[in-house]
Protein backbone atom coordinates (compact mmCIF):
# COMPACT_ATOMS: atom_id res chain seq x y z
CA MET A 1 -0.28 0.30 0.19
CA SER A 2 1.50 3.37 -0.93
CA ASN A 3 2.80 5.48 1.87
CA LEU A 4 1.28 8.74 0.07
CA LEU A 5 -2.18 7.49 0.76
CA THR A 6 -2.08 6.18 3.39
CA ARG A 7 -0.14 9.09 5.55
CA ALA A 8 -2.94 11.27 3.88
CA ASP A 9 -5.73 9.00 5.12
CA ASP A 10 -4.04 9.64 8.55
CA ALA A 11 -3.58 13.13 7.97
CA LEU A 12 -7.39 13.73 7.68
CA SER A 13 -8.53 11.72 10.27
CA ALA A 14 -6.24 12.24 13.27
CA SER A 15 -8.74 14.12 15.17
CA ALA A 16 -11.94 15.39 16.26
CA SER A 17 -10.29 18.78 17.50
CA ARG A 18 -9.31 19.33 13.93
CA ARG A 19 -12.24 18.43 12.63
CA GLY A 20 -13.49 21.48 14.33
CA PHE A 21 -10.80 23.59 13.81
CA LEU A 22 -11.52 22.88 9.83
CA LYS A 23 -14.99 24.20 10.45
CA THR A 24 -14.59 26.95 12.59
CA ALA A 25 -12.15 27.92 9.44
CA GLY A 26 -14.69 27.25 7.02
CA ALA A 27 -17.01 29.53 8.26
CA ALA A 28 -14.41 32.13 8.65
CA ALA A 29 -13.18 31.72 5.38
CA ALA A 30 -17.20 32.47 4.31
CA ALA A 31 -17.39 35.23 5.88
CA ILE A 32 -14.18 36.65 4.38
CA THR A 33 -15.11 35.63 1.10
CA ALA A 34 -18.66 37.15 1.35
CA VAL A 35 -16.85 40.63 1.41
CA THR A 36 -13.98 40.35 -0.68
CA GLY A 37 -12.65 39.81 -4.40
CA LEU A 38 -11.73 36.30 -2.86
CA GLU A 39 -15.02 35.12 -3.35
CA ARG A 40 -14.28 34.30 -7.32
CA LEU A 41 -11.66 31.50 -5.81
CA PHE A 42 -14.10 29.36 -4.56
CA LYS A 43 -16.72 30.08 -6.90
CA PRO A 44 -15.52 29.09 -10.61
CA THR A 45 -17.52 30.59 -13.47
CA ALA A 46 -19.91 28.85 -15.37
CA ALA A 47 -17.16 29.03 -18.17
CA PHE A 48 -14.89 26.71 -15.91
CA ALA A 49 -17.45 24.53 -15.82
CA GLN A 50 -17.88 24.09 -19.13
CA GLY A 51 -14.02 23.82 -20.10
CA ALA A 52 -13.60 21.04 -17.70
CA ALA A 53 -14.81 16.80 -18.06
CA THR A 54 -15.57 15.61 -14.97
CA LEU A 55 -13.37 13.10 -14.06
CA THR A 56 -13.28 10.63 -11.11
CA PRO A 57 -11.07 10.13 -8.38
CA THR A 58 -8.92 7.12 -10.14
CA GLN A 59 -9.03 9.18 -13.51
CA VAL A 60 -7.50 11.87 -11.50
CA VAL A 61 -4.49 10.16 -10.28
CA MET A 62 -3.93 8.15 -13.43
CA TYR A 63 -3.54 11.97 -14.80
CA ALA A 64 -1.52 12.70 -12.50
CA TYR A 65 0.71 9.54 -12.68
CA ALA A 66 1.01 10.62 -16.45
CA LEU A 67 2.42 14.06 -15.91
CA GLU A 68 4.81 12.79 -12.84
CA ASN A 69 6.30 9.86 -15.47
CA LEU A 70 6.83 13.09 -17.43
CA GLU A 71 8.45 15.24 -14.55
CA LYS A 72 10.68 12.10 -13.68
CA LYS A 73 11.75 11.81 -17.46
CA PHE A 74 12.59 14.95 -17.64
CA TYR A 75 14.77 15.52 -14.85
CA ALA A 76 16.16 11.90 -15.16
CA ASP A 77 17.76 13.30 -18.89
CA VAL A 78 18.80 16.45 -17.54
CA ILE A 79 20.91 14.85 -14.29
CA ALA A 80 22.53 12.27 -17.32
CA GLY A 81 23.43 15.29 -18.97
CA ILE A 82 24.32 18.25 -17.09
CA GLY A 83 28.00 17.48 -17.22
CA GLY A 84 27.20 18.52 -20.70
CA PHE A 85 26.34 21.93 -19.84
CA THR A 86 28.42 24.89 -19.01
CA LEU A 87 26.39 26.72 -16.53
CA PRO A 88 27.43 30.26 -14.44
CA ALA A 89 29.80 29.18 -11.72
CA SER A 90 27.05 31.08 -9.95
CA ILE A 91 24.88 28.63 -9.68
CA ALA A 92 25.96 25.64 -11.04
CA ALA A 93 26.69 24.09 -7.57
CA LYS A 94 23.00 25.10 -6.53
CA ALA A 95 21.34 23.69 -10.04
CA ALA A 96 22.92 20.68 -9.96
CA ALA A 97 21.97 19.73 -6.01
CA ALA A 98 18.48 21.16 -7.03
CA ILE A 99 17.77 19.14 -10.00
CA THR A 100 19.04 15.83 -8.04
CA SER A 101 16.75 16.51 -5.26
CA TYR A 102 13.63 17.73 -7.59
CA GLY A 103 14.51 14.66 -9.63
CA ALA A 104 14.25 12.64 -6.74
CA ASP A 105 10.98 14.02 -5.40
CA GLU A 106 9.53 13.00 -9.19
CA ALA A 107 10.55 9.91 -8.73
CA GLN A 108 9.09 8.97 -5.41
CA HIS A 109 5.98 10.23 -7.09
CA VAL A 110 5.93 7.83 -9.47
CA THR A 111 6.41 5.46 -6.79
CA ASP A 112 3.62 6.47 -4.96
CA LEU A 113 1.26 7.29 -7.04
CA ARG A 114 1.73 3.64 -8.49
CA GLY A 115 0.87 1.99 -5.59
CA VAL A 116 -2.28 4.24 -5.17
CA LEU A 117 -3.31 2.78 -8.76
CA SER A 118 -2.50 -0.96 -8.74
CA SER A 119 -2.48 -2.25 -4.73
CA ILE A 120 -5.59 0.71 -3.62
CA LEU A 121 -7.21 1.54 -6.86
CA GLY A 122 -7.07 -1.68 -8.95
CA VAL A 123 -5.54 -0.72 -12.11
CA SER A 124 -3.63 -3.08 -13.99
CA ASP A 125 -0.06 -2.89 -14.71
CA THR A 126 -0.95 -3.34 -18.37
CA LYS A 127 -2.75 0.22 -18.08
CA LEU A 128 0.15 1.53 -15.95
CA ALA A 129 2.80 0.47 -18.43
CA ALA A 130 0.92 2.44 -21.03
CA ILE A 131 1.64 5.57 -19.07
CA GLU A 132 5.41 5.01 -18.51
CA GLY A 133 5.65 4.00 -22.12
CA ALA A 134 4.03 7.30 -22.87
CA ALA A 135 6.48 9.30 -21.14
CA ALA A 136 9.86 7.09 -21.89
CA ASN A 137 10.16 8.90 -25.47
CA PRO A 138 9.01 12.88 -24.30
CA ASP A 139 9.90 15.56 -27.37
CA TYR A 140 11.25 17.86 -25.47
CA SER A 141 11.36 20.88 -28.26
CA LYS A 142 7.64 21.01 -27.78
CA ILE A 143 8.17 22.59 -24.77
CA LEU A 144 10.15 25.76 -25.84
CA GLY A 145 9.67 25.22 -29.58
CA ARG A 146 13.83 24.52 -29.65
CA ASP A 147 15.25 21.28 -28.00
CA PRO A 148 16.35 22.95 -24.58
CA PHE A 149 19.37 20.70 -24.64
CA THR A 150 21.12 22.42 -27.23
CA ASP A 151 21.44 25.27 -25.39
CA LYS A 152 25.03 24.38 -23.47
CA THR A 153 24.66 27.31 -21.12
CA GLY A 154 21.73 25.82 -19.23
CA GLY A 155 19.40 29.06 -20.03
CA ASP A 156 16.57 26.85 -21.70
CA LEU A 157 17.03 23.68 -19.44
CA LEU A 158 16.38 26.00 -16.56
CA LEU A 159 13.43 27.34 -18.59
CA ALA A 160 11.98 23.96 -19.66
CA ALA A 161 12.14 23.01 -16.43
CA GLN A 162 10.42 26.12 -14.99
CA ILE A 163 7.55 25.75 -17.55
CA VAL A 164 6.97 21.71 -16.79
CA GLU A 165 6.91 22.79 -12.80
CA ASP A 166 4.26 25.78 -13.40
CA LEU A 167 2.61 23.41 -15.49
CA GLY A 168 2.35 20.68 -12.63
CA VAL A 169 0.90 23.25 -10.17
CA GLN A 170 -1.48 24.29 -12.29
CA ALA A 171 -2.78 20.84 -13.40
CA TYR A 172 -2.88 19.31 -9.69
CA LYS A 173 -5.04 22.72 -8.83
CA GLY A 174 -7.30 22.39 -11.57
CA GLN A 175 -8.47 19.14 -10.56
CA ALA A 176 -9.65 20.32 -6.89
CA ALA A 177 -13.37 20.90 -7.98
CA ASN A 178 -13.27 17.47 -9.29
CA LEU A 179 -12.18 15.91 -6.26
CA LEU A 180 -14.17 18.32 -4.21
CA ALA A 181 -17.25 16.79 -6.09
CA ALA A 182 -16.59 13.24 -5.32
CA GLY A 183 -16.94 13.59 -1.88
CA ASP A 184 -15.63 11.57 1.19
CA SER A 185 -14.56 8.93 -1.56
CA ALA A 186 -12.05 10.85 -2.83
CA ARG A 187 -10.47 12.84 0.60
CA SER A 188 -7.50 10.69 0.66
CA VAL A 189 -6.96 11.36 -2.87
CA LEU A 190 -7.23 15.05 -2.47
CA ALA A 191 -5.06 14.76 0.61
CA ALA A 192 -2.40 13.19 -1.25
CA ALA A 193 -2.96 15.63 -4.24
CA LEU A 194 -2.21 18.68 -2.34
CA ALA A 195 0.97 17.57 -1.06
CA ILE A 196 2.33 16.46 -4.21
CA HIS A 197 0.89 20.34 -5.61
CA SER A 198 3.30 22.07 -2.81
CA VAL A 199 5.81 20.37 -3.52
CA GLU A 200 5.72 21.09 -7.57
CA ALA A 201 5.16 24.51 -6.45
CA ARG A 202 8.59 24.78 -4.34
CA HIS A 203 10.12 23.65 -7.34
CA ALA A 204 8.53 26.22 -9.55
CA ALA A 205 10.30 29.12 -6.90
CA GLY A 206 13.64 26.96 -6.43
CA ILE A 207 14.01 27.11 -10.53
CA ARG A 208 13.02 30.30 -10.58
CA TYR A 209 15.55 31.38 -8.07
CA LEU A 210 18.43 29.44 -10.20
CA ARG A 211 17.46 31.49 -13.65
CA GLN A 212 17.41 34.78 -11.11
CA LEU A 213 20.87 34.02 -10.26
CA ALA A 214 21.59 33.17 -13.42
CA GLY A 215 20.57 36.86 -14.61
CA ALA A 216 17.10 36.17 -16.33
CA ASP A 217 14.49 38.42 -16.32
CA VAL A 218 12.00 36.12 -13.10
CA ARG A 219 8.70 36.64 -12.08
CA THR A 220 7.85 35.29 -8.91
CA TYR A 221 4.29 34.67 -10.61
CA ILE A 222 3.24 32.81 -13.84
CA ARG A 223 3.33 34.97 -17.35
CA THR A 224 2.18 34.50 -20.65
CA GLY A 225 5.21 32.29 -22.39
CA ASP A 226 6.47 31.12 -19.05
CA THR A 227 4.00 28.32 -19.24
CA LEU A 228 2.37 26.05 -21.84
CA ALA A 229 -0.82 26.02 -20.46
CA VAL A 230 -1.54 29.49 -19.41
CA PRO A 231 -4.44 30.67 -21.17
CA THR A 232 -4.31 33.95 -23.23
CA ALA A 233 -4.45 37.16 -21.58
CA GLU A 234 -3.29 35.70 -18.27
CA THR A 235 -6.53 34.99 -17.34
CA ASN A 236 -8.45 31.71 -16.16
CA ARG A 237 -12.04 30.78 -16.24
CA ALA A 238 -12.50 31.77 -12.39
CA GLY A 239 -11.43 35.48 -13.57
CA ILE A 240 -8.16 35.50 -11.84
CA ASP A 241 -5.14 37.48 -13.62
CA PHE A 242 -1.67 35.91 -13.45
CA SER A 243 0.26 39.45 -13.72
CA SER A 244 -1.11 39.55 -10.19
CA GLU A 245 1.57 38.29 -7.79
CA ALA A 246 -1.13 38.02 -5.06
CA PHE A 247 -2.96 34.92 -6.94
CA ASP A 248 -1.92 31.91 -8.98
CA GLY A 249 -4.51 30.04 -11.19
CA TYR A 250 -5.03 26.52 -12.50
CA ALA A 251 -5.15 24.78 -15.96
CA THR A 252 -7.81 22.51 -16.77
CA GLU A 253 -7.56 18.83 -18.21
CA VAL A 254 -8.33 20.23 -21.59
CA GLU A 255 -5.50 22.50 -21.61
CA VAL A 256 -3.22 20.46 -20.05
CA ASP A 257 -4.10 17.91 -22.47
CA ALA A 258 -3.40 20.20 -25.50
CA ALA A 259 0.01 21.61 -23.76
CA VAL A 260 1.23 17.86 -23.15
CA THR A 261 0.47 16.22 -25.97
CA PRO A 262 2.87 17.22 -28.08
CA ILE A 263 5.40 16.48 -25.79
CA LEU A 264 4.18 12.67 -24.85
CA ARG A 265 3.20 11.72 -28.45
CA VAL A 266 -0.05 10.51 -26.89
CA PRO A 267 -3.01 12.30 -26.13
CA VAL A 268 -3.64 12.51 -22.36
CA GLY A 269 -6.87 12.21 -22.43
CA SER A 270 -6.26 8.85 -24.13
CA LEU A 271 -4.45 7.49 -21.09
CA ILE A 272 -7.10 8.89 -18.27
CA ALA A 273 -9.76 7.23 -20.54
CA LEU A 274 -7.56 3.61 -19.92
CA VAL A 275 -9.73 3.80 -16.52
CA LYS A 276 -13.76 4.57 -16.83
CA SER A 277 -14.12 5.12 -13.41
């Protein structure tokens, strides 16, 4: 049984006092959102609902598994070839350490999600192998419109890493509504997704820091051109403006499919559809 889902379930079931706290916090949040612009974060527009398919909890985990396999493969390839890059001396050691650490994180995500899908959700090895096979030979040129591995300064490589991490952050957040809609049956999956989401966000921040140290013009928030899944005009369906540092947005599975399918060479939607429920 995967430690990820077990830890998530244990954390959610820890104590009645915690449930009481969450109930109180929820009431406070409702009061705040009634009088501030934050209400739009909790009430996505009809346009968002129309642009997003309803995935089951198992399909959400399959979706996450596809993205995590891509990230694992990307970092493995970066680690394997990092000796051929001439990174600025100011970041070379930091970048090597960060990339190694982030790669280990993605590998652990893959291991734990595979355990959830196989041991707990009953997805067959054949279906899991289809996802793993899709991630085995990615076309990285589809991230930037050029092969990030050909820039031996490492600048394109770090930019590609930032884009991949941003995509993961947006993708996880975009599934919150589906998991909430599934009710108690999905609470452990939601907790596990949130546990991974925060790690992906730290990765994205770390890559931005490295790029900034190397002299790149880097903002702390997502902007057009920084990510594969950011919608036109830096605004998503909930009306959250990506040009604001105070709020971040999400990406629907439709947007993520459009962004990742050219990289994997296999439609992400077809991988999710391997499980019907």
